[in-house]
Protein backbone atom coordinates (compact mmCIF):
# COMPACT_ATOMS: atom_id res chain seq x y z
CA MET A 1 -16.67 43.13 -152.50
CA THR A 2 -17.37 46.10 -154.75
CA LEU A 3 -17.25 44.09 -157.86
CA LEU A 4 -19.73 41.29 -155.92
CA PHE A 5 -22.09 43.90 -154.82
CA ILE A 6 -21.78 45.44 -158.83
CA ARG A 7 -22.83 41.96 -160.41
CA VAL A 8 -25.87 41.25 -158.06
CA PHE A 9 -27.32 44.72 -158.53
CA PHE A 10 -26.95 43.96 -162.40
CA PHE A 11 -28.65 40.52 -162.18
CA ILE A 12 -31.54 42.11 -160.07
CA ILE A 13 -32.01 45.05 -162.87
CA ALA A 14 -31.92 42.91 -165.69
CA GLY A 15 -34.61 40.70 -163.81
CA ILE A 16 -36.60 43.45 -163.60
CA VAL A 17 -36.37 45.08 -166.81
CA GLY A 18 -37.06 41.71 -168.03
CA TYR A 19 -39.73 40.93 -166.11
CA GLN A 20 -41.32 44.43 -167.24
CA ILE A 21 -40.62 43.69 -170.93
CA GLY A 22 -42.49 40.44 -170.82
CA ALA A 23 -45.63 41.57 -168.73
CA ILE A 24 -46.35 44.26 -171.75
CA ASN A 25 -46.27 40.73 -173.71
CA ASN A 26 -48.62 39.29 -171.34
CA ASN A 27 -45.63 36.88 -170.00
CA PRO A 28 -43.94 38.35 -167.33
CA LEU A 29 -42.13 35.13 -166.12
CA ASN A 30 -40.76 33.96 -169.42
CA GLY A 31 -39.60 37.83 -169.22
CA LEU A 32 -37.81 37.69 -165.93
CA CYS A 33 -36.02 34.25 -166.83
CA LEU A 34 -34.48 35.73 -170.42
CA GLY A 35 -33.39 38.58 -168.42
CA PHE A 36 -31.65 36.44 -165.57
CA LEU A 37 -30.16 34.53 -168.25
CA GLY A 38 -29.05 37.32 -169.95
CA ALA A 39 -27.51 38.76 -167.10
CA LEU A 40 -25.55 35.52 -166.23
CA ILE A 41 -24.60 35.39 -169.84
CA LEU A 42 -23.01 38.71 -169.34
CA ILE A 43 -21.41 38.38 -165.88
CA PHE A 44 -19.72 35.05 -167.06
CA ILE A 45 -18.29 37.03 -170.06
CA GLU A 46 -16.77 39.16 -168.05
CA LEU A 47 -15.27 37.12 -165.58
CA LYS A 48 -13.39 35.42 -168.65
CA SER A 49 -12.45 39.02 -170.09
CA ARG A 50 -9.94 39.07 -167.37
CA GLN A 51 -6.83 37.90 -169.30
CA VAL A 52 -7.84 40.62 -171.93
CA SER A 53 -5.28 43.13 -170.98
CA VAL A 54 -5.65 47.09 -170.77
CA ARG A 55 -2.99 47.59 -173.54
CA GLY A 56 -4.76 45.06 -175.61
CA LEU A 57 -7.90 46.48 -175.55
CA SER A 58 -6.76 49.88 -176.16
CA ALA A 59 -4.74 48.83 -179.52
CA MET A 60 -8.30 46.81 -180.72
CA VAL A 61 -10.14 49.80 -180.05
CA PHE A 62 -8.03 51.87 -182.04
CA GLY A 63 -7.51 49.42 -184.93
CA LEU A 64 -11.22 49.36 -185.09
CA LEU A 65 -11.77 53.14 -185.22
CA LEU A 66 -9.06 53.18 -187.88
CA GLY A 67 -10.71 50.47 -189.86
CA ILE A 68 -13.97 52.09 -189.62
CA PHE A 69 -12.47 55.36 -191.07
CA MET A 70 -10.73 53.45 -193.97
CA ALA A 71 -13.98 51.93 -194.83
CA LYS A 72 -15.93 55.12 -194.81
CA LEU A 73 -12.93 56.62 -197.23
CA VAL A 74 -13.14 53.82 -199.57
CA SER A 75 -16.83 54.03 -199.66
CA ASP A 76 -17.26 57.76 -200.50
CA ILE A 77 -14.70 57.06 -203.17
CA LEU A 78 -17.29 54.08 -204.47
CA SER A 79 -20.72 56.64 -204.05
CA LEU A 80 -18.99 58.62 -206.87
CA LEU A 81 -19.37 55.36 -209.43
CA PRO A 82 -22.82 54.96 -211.39
CA LEU A 83 -23.86 52.11 -208.78
CA GLY A 84 -27.26 51.22 -207.48
CA VAL A 85 -28.75 52.31 -204.54
CA ALA A 86 -28.83 48.86 -203.02
CA VAL A 87 -25.06 47.99 -204.56
CA GLN A 88 -23.70 50.77 -202.63
CA SER A 89 -25.59 49.99 -199.62
CA VAL A 90 -24.43 46.52 -199.40
CA LEU A 91 -20.53 47.55 -200.58
CA LYS A 92 -20.87 50.15 -197.15
CA VAL A 93 -21.62 47.19 -194.94
CA VAL A 94 -19.12 44.71 -196.44
CA LEU A 95 -16.23 47.20 -196.24
CA THR A 96 -17.01 48.26 -193.04
CA LEU A 97 -17.14 44.64 -191.50
CA ILE A 98 -13.69 43.46 -193.45
CA PHE A 99 -11.67 46.80 -192.76
CA SER A 100 -13.11 46.66 -189.07
CA TYR A 101 -12.03 43.47 -188.95
CA LEU A 102 -8.25 43.76 -190.55
CA GLY A 103 -7.98 46.93 -188.32
CA SER A 104 -8.61 44.66 -184.93
CA VAL A 105 -6.53 41.77 -186.01
CA MET A 106 -3.32 43.57 -187.45
CA ALA A 107 -3.40 46.01 -184.00
CA LEU A 108 -3.74 43.32 -181.87
CA ARG A 109 -0.89 41.36 -183.75
CA GLY A 110 1.20 44.69 -183.18
CA LYS A 111 0.30 45.71 -179.57
CA ASP A 112 3.65 45.22 -178.67
CA GLU A 113 4.68 48.13 -180.42
CA PHE A 114 1.13 50.10 -179.85
CA ASN A 115 3.89 53.06 -178.72
CA LEU A 116 0.71 55.22 -177.27
CA ILE A 117 0.06 52.32 -174.76
CA ILE A 118 3.41 53.50 -173.19
CA PRO A 119 2.68 57.45 -172.74
CA TYR A 120 5.42 57.96 -169.78
CA VAL A 121 7.89 56.59 -172.84
CA ARG A 122 6.74 58.42 -175.62
CA PHE A 123 4.96 61.50 -174.23
CA LYS A 124 7.15 62.61 -171.43
CA ARG A 125 10.37 61.19 -172.69
CA GLN A 126 11.68 64.91 -172.98
CA GLU A 127 11.80 65.19 -169.25
CA LEU A 128 13.82 62.68 -168.45
CA LYS A 129 17.72 63.10 -168.79
CA GLU A 130 18.95 59.63 -169.88
CA GLY A 131 15.95 57.87 -170.81
CA VAL A 132 14.28 54.64 -169.35
CA VAL A 133 16.68 52.06 -167.57
CA LEU A 134 15.30 48.31 -167.62
CA LEU A 135 16.10 46.30 -164.46
CA ASP A 136 16.65 42.43 -165.22
CA THR A 137 16.48 40.03 -162.58
CA SER A 138 20.18 39.26 -161.32
CA ALA A 139 20.75 43.01 -161.40
CA ILE A 140 17.71 43.31 -159.08
CA ILE A 141 18.78 40.44 -156.90
CA TYR A 142 22.35 41.75 -156.99
CA GLY A 143 20.92 43.90 -154.15
CA ARG A 144 22.84 47.27 -154.86
CA ILE A 145 21.15 48.98 -157.90
CA GLY A 146 19.40 51.28 -155.37
CA ASP A 147 22.80 52.74 -154.02
CA ILE A 148 24.27 52.94 -157.76
CA PHE A 149 20.93 55.07 -158.83
CA LYS A 150 21.32 57.29 -155.97
CA THR A 151 25.17 58.14 -157.33
CA GLY A 152 23.95 59.18 -160.76
CA PHE A 153 25.49 56.71 -162.65
CA LEU A 154 22.06 55.06 -163.50
CA GLY A 155 20.14 58.21 -165.02
CA GLY A 156 16.70 58.21 -166.01
CA ARG A 157 13.29 56.12 -164.58
CA LEU A 158 13.88 52.63 -163.54
CA VAL A 159 11.42 50.10 -165.34
CA VAL A 160 10.70 46.58 -163.99
CA PRO A 161 8.47 44.63 -166.72
CA HIS A 162 5.88 42.64 -165.50
CA PHE A 163 7.40 39.51 -166.65
CA VAL A 164 10.94 40.12 -164.46
CA LEU A 165 8.43 40.29 -161.90
CA HIS A 166 6.91 37.25 -162.47
CA GLU A 167 10.10 35.83 -162.65
CA LEU A 168 11.25 36.92 -159.26
CA GLN A 169 8.02 35.40 -157.79
CA ARG A 170 8.69 31.96 -159.64
CA LEU A 171 11.88 32.05 -157.75
CA ALA A 172 10.23 33.20 -154.17
CA ASP A 173 7.96 30.29 -155.07
CA SER A 174 10.75 27.80 -155.50
CA ASP A 175 11.22 24.64 -154.00
CA ASP A 176 15.24 25.46 -153.73
CA GLU A 177 15.97 27.30 -150.79
CA THR A 178 18.73 29.14 -152.35
CA LYS A 179 16.80 29.92 -155.62
CA ARG A 180 13.46 30.74 -152.78
CA GLN A 181 15.76 33.47 -150.80
CA ARG A 182 17.62 34.66 -154.13
CA GLY A 183 13.80 35.50 -155.24
CA ARG A 184 12.35 37.21 -151.92
CA ARG A 185 15.22 38.85 -151.76
CA GLY A 186 14.69 40.41 -154.95
CA LEU A 187 10.57 41.77 -154.17
CA ASP A 188 12.59 42.86 -150.84
CA ILE A 189 14.81 44.86 -152.52
CA LEU A 190 12.02 46.10 -154.94
CA LYS A 191 9.83 47.09 -152.30
CA ASN A 192 12.13 49.44 -150.54
CA MET A 193 13.43 51.17 -153.98
CA GLN A 194 9.44 52.04 -154.56
CA LYS A 195 9.50 53.54 -150.98
CA ASP A 196 12.32 55.62 -151.45
CA VAL A 197 11.62 58.76 -152.98
CA ALA A 198 15.48 59.26 -154.25
CA ALA A 199 14.48 56.33 -156.37
CA ASP A 200 12.06 56.64 -159.75
CA VAL A 201 11.01 53.15 -160.05
CA ARG A 202 7.69 52.05 -162.10
CA ILE A 203 6.32 48.78 -163.06
CA HIS A 204 5.21 48.12 -166.88
CA GLU A 205 2.43 46.21 -166.49
CA ASP A 206 2.04 45.07 -169.87
CA ASP A 207 3.82 41.57 -170.30
CA LEU A 208 4.72 40.54 -173.78
CA SER A 209 3.05 37.89 -175.48
CA GLY A 210 4.67 34.72 -176.64
CA PRO A 211 6.56 31.73 -174.87
CA GLU A 212 9.91 33.80 -175.46
CA PRO A 213 12.57 33.53 -172.44
CA VAL A 214 12.76 36.06 -169.84
CA ASP A 215 15.80 37.47 -171.63
CA LEU A 216 14.82 37.67 -175.89
CA LYS A 217 11.48 39.58 -173.89
CA LEU A 218 13.35 41.76 -172.21
CA VAL A 219 15.67 42.71 -175.13
CA LYS A 220 12.13 43.12 -177.46
CA LEU A 221 10.89 45.39 -174.98
CA ALA A 222 14.26 47.88 -174.73
CA LYS A 223 13.73 48.17 -178.56
CA ILE A 224 10.47 49.05 -178.33
CA MET A 225 10.90 51.44 -175.68
CA GLU A 226 14.27 52.44 -176.47
CA ALA A 227 15.72 51.97 -173.40
CA ARG A 228 19.14 50.62 -171.82
CA ILE A 229 19.09 47.23 -169.92
CA CYS A 230 21.05 47.25 -166.44
CA THR A 231 22.09 43.67 -165.41
CA THR A 232 25.06 41.27 -164.07
CA ASP A 233 24.28 38.55 -166.69
CA PHE A 234 27.36 38.31 -169.37
CA ASN A 235 25.32 36.02 -171.84
CA LEU A 236 22.38 38.82 -171.87
CA SER A 237 24.85 41.51 -171.93
CA ARG A 238 26.76 40.21 -174.74
CA MET A 239 23.19 38.91 -176.81
CA ALA A 240 21.82 42.25 -176.23
CA SER A 241 24.77 44.16 -177.45
CA LEU A 242 24.87 42.38 -180.62
CA GLN A 243 20.82 43.35 -181.20
CA GLY A 244 21.84 47.25 -180.82
CA VAL A 245 20.42 47.51 -177.23
CA GLU A 246 23.03 49.65 -175.12
CA MET A 247 23.87 47.92 -172.09
CA LEU A 248 24.76 48.74 -168.53
CA ASN A 249 26.59 45.63 -166.86
CA VAL A 250 27.25 46.30 -163.01
CA ASN A 251 29.74 43.70 -163.24
CA ASP A 252 31.87 45.75 -165.54
CA LEU A 253 31.29 49.21 -163.08
CA VAL A 254 32.65 47.14 -160.24
CA ASN A 255 36.00 46.02 -161.90
CA ALA A 256 36.34 49.31 -163.37
CA VAL A 257 36.11 50.75 -159.63
CA LYS A 258 38.48 48.06 -158.67
CA PRO A 259 41.76 49.49 -157.56
CA MET A 260 44.71 48.41 -159.99
CA ILE A 261 47.39 45.94 -158.79
CA PHE A 262 50.78 45.72 -159.99
CA ASN A 263 53.11 42.84 -161.04
CA GLY A 264 55.77 43.22 -157.23
CA GLU A 265 53.11 44.55 -155.37
CA GLU A 266 52.68 43.61 -152.00
CA LEU A 267 49.58 42.04 -150.17
CA GLU A 268 48.43 40.80 -147.07
CA ILE A 269 45.46 38.16 -147.49
CA ARG A 270 44.26 35.32 -145.46
CA LEU A 271 44.23 32.07 -147.30
CA LEU A 272 40.99 30.26 -147.13
CA LYS A 273 41.18 27.18 -149.26
CA GLU A 274 43.07 25.08 -151.73
CA GLY A 275 43.42 26.13 -155.12
CA LYS A 276 42.89 23.95 -158.38
CA ASP A 277 46.26 23.09 -158.51
CA PRO A 278 48.36 21.15 -156.44
CA HIS A 279 50.34 23.32 -153.56
CA GLN A 280 48.00 26.31 -154.25
CA ALA A 281 46.20 28.46 -151.63
CA VAL A 282 43.31 30.96 -152.40
CA GLY A 283 42.27 34.12 -150.76
CA TYR A 284 40.11 37.35 -151.57
CA LEU A 285 41.03 40.89 -150.98
CA GLU A 286 38.53 43.35 -149.47
CA ASP A 287 36.51 43.76 -152.92
CA GLY A 288 36.11 40.15 -153.84
CA THR A 289 39.16 40.00 -156.17
CA MET A 290 40.33 36.29 -156.07
CA VAL A 291 44.24 35.45 -155.15
CA VAL A 292 45.51 32.58 -156.10
CA VAL A 293 48.74 31.99 -153.89
CA ILE A 294 51.79 29.61 -154.91
CA ASP A 295 52.54 26.75 -152.68
CA GLY A 296 50.17 28.39 -150.47
CA LYS A 297 48.34 25.18 -149.38
CA ARG A 298 50.34 24.64 -146.37
CA LEU A 299 49.41 28.03 -144.91
CA ILE A 300 45.69 27.65 -145.14
CA GLY A 301 43.88 29.40 -142.41
CA GLN A 302 46.83 32.10 -141.84
CA GLN A 303 47.46 36.15 -142.75
CA VAL A 304 50.35 35.70 -145.09
CA ARG A 305 52.13 38.24 -147.17
CA VAL A 306 52.55 37.91 -150.85
CA TYR A 307 54.13 39.73 -153.42
CA VAL A 308 51.87 39.77 -156.90
CA THR A 309 53.42 37.88 -159.82
CA SER A 310 50.71 38.61 -162.61
CA ALA A 311 47.04 39.60 -162.71
CA LEU A 312 44.28 38.33 -165.54
CA GLN A 313 41.05 39.67 -166.23
CA THR A 314 38.53 36.84 -166.86
CA GLN A 315 34.44 37.23 -167.75
CA ALA A 316 33.94 36.45 -164.24
CA GLY A 317 36.38 39.28 -162.96
CA ARG A 318 39.54 39.76 -162.06
CA MET A 319 41.87 36.76 -160.99
CA VAL A 320 45.65 37.70 -159.39
CA PHE A 321 48.37 35.34 -158.91
CA ALA A 322 51.17 35.62 -156.00
CA LYS A 323 53.80 34.27 -154.68
CA LEU A 324 54.84 33.77 -150.45
CA GLU A 325 57.18 36.56 -149.46
CA LYS A 326 60.36 34.92 -148.70
């Protein structure tokens, strides 16, 4: 509503100014029309400039100032040569245009590396004990990041990139019921974490340009910000580690705190479903560890006592093989 008021006010003022200028030339109506037309053109440009990010604009201004400075420096050097006044004036104009253009374009192309636009990372980083942790979509949906942060395992500041927020929004608007529930749960978790005083959560507003997938953008942003990435995605963790980015995989943390299970140890477990091989049955411990019981198919739905024969650590987690107690 405020923007609409400003536009209408500007439109009226432009018409009045145009009318007064036209009255000086004895043609007030043409001046009024030109004033309204100029106001409409400026309002149209302002509406189209919504897609321009503050970060990109700041980078362009920085590049423009740098170009003007370089043009002035080169012009002062050329002024020492025995050139005519007319030639020096032309050179100043040409050099200013060239360096201004090159500075603006180069700054826009490298705006993702424009570190001055990330003040809470570059200028206040010494205040953060462990730096910055970028949250992946999978880590947010996991639902326990807030609790893990409170324990102190994730030191520093939690930062959610804008493209991760967009991905959560796309999931929340998905036609698939499962994806929609996951997206909405992720948004609710973020909202609750922002309300929690103990969790320092920030939204990184600028979106990296380019058609790259979210995972590649996340790794790129982590390199720029010298941050760590918190995720539950094994493929992302492996890819980022190969590029030198420090990873915090929640699944690794969960597997590390699970109690050790040794061969011959007795367990009491409820068999829930059939296994992959004949006569096998599957149950789960309280921490989610899968237990495959040999010859347990006939006892599905019952609480049985078994003893461990072997344990296997896989990428998806730990799997335990057991036999029925005689």
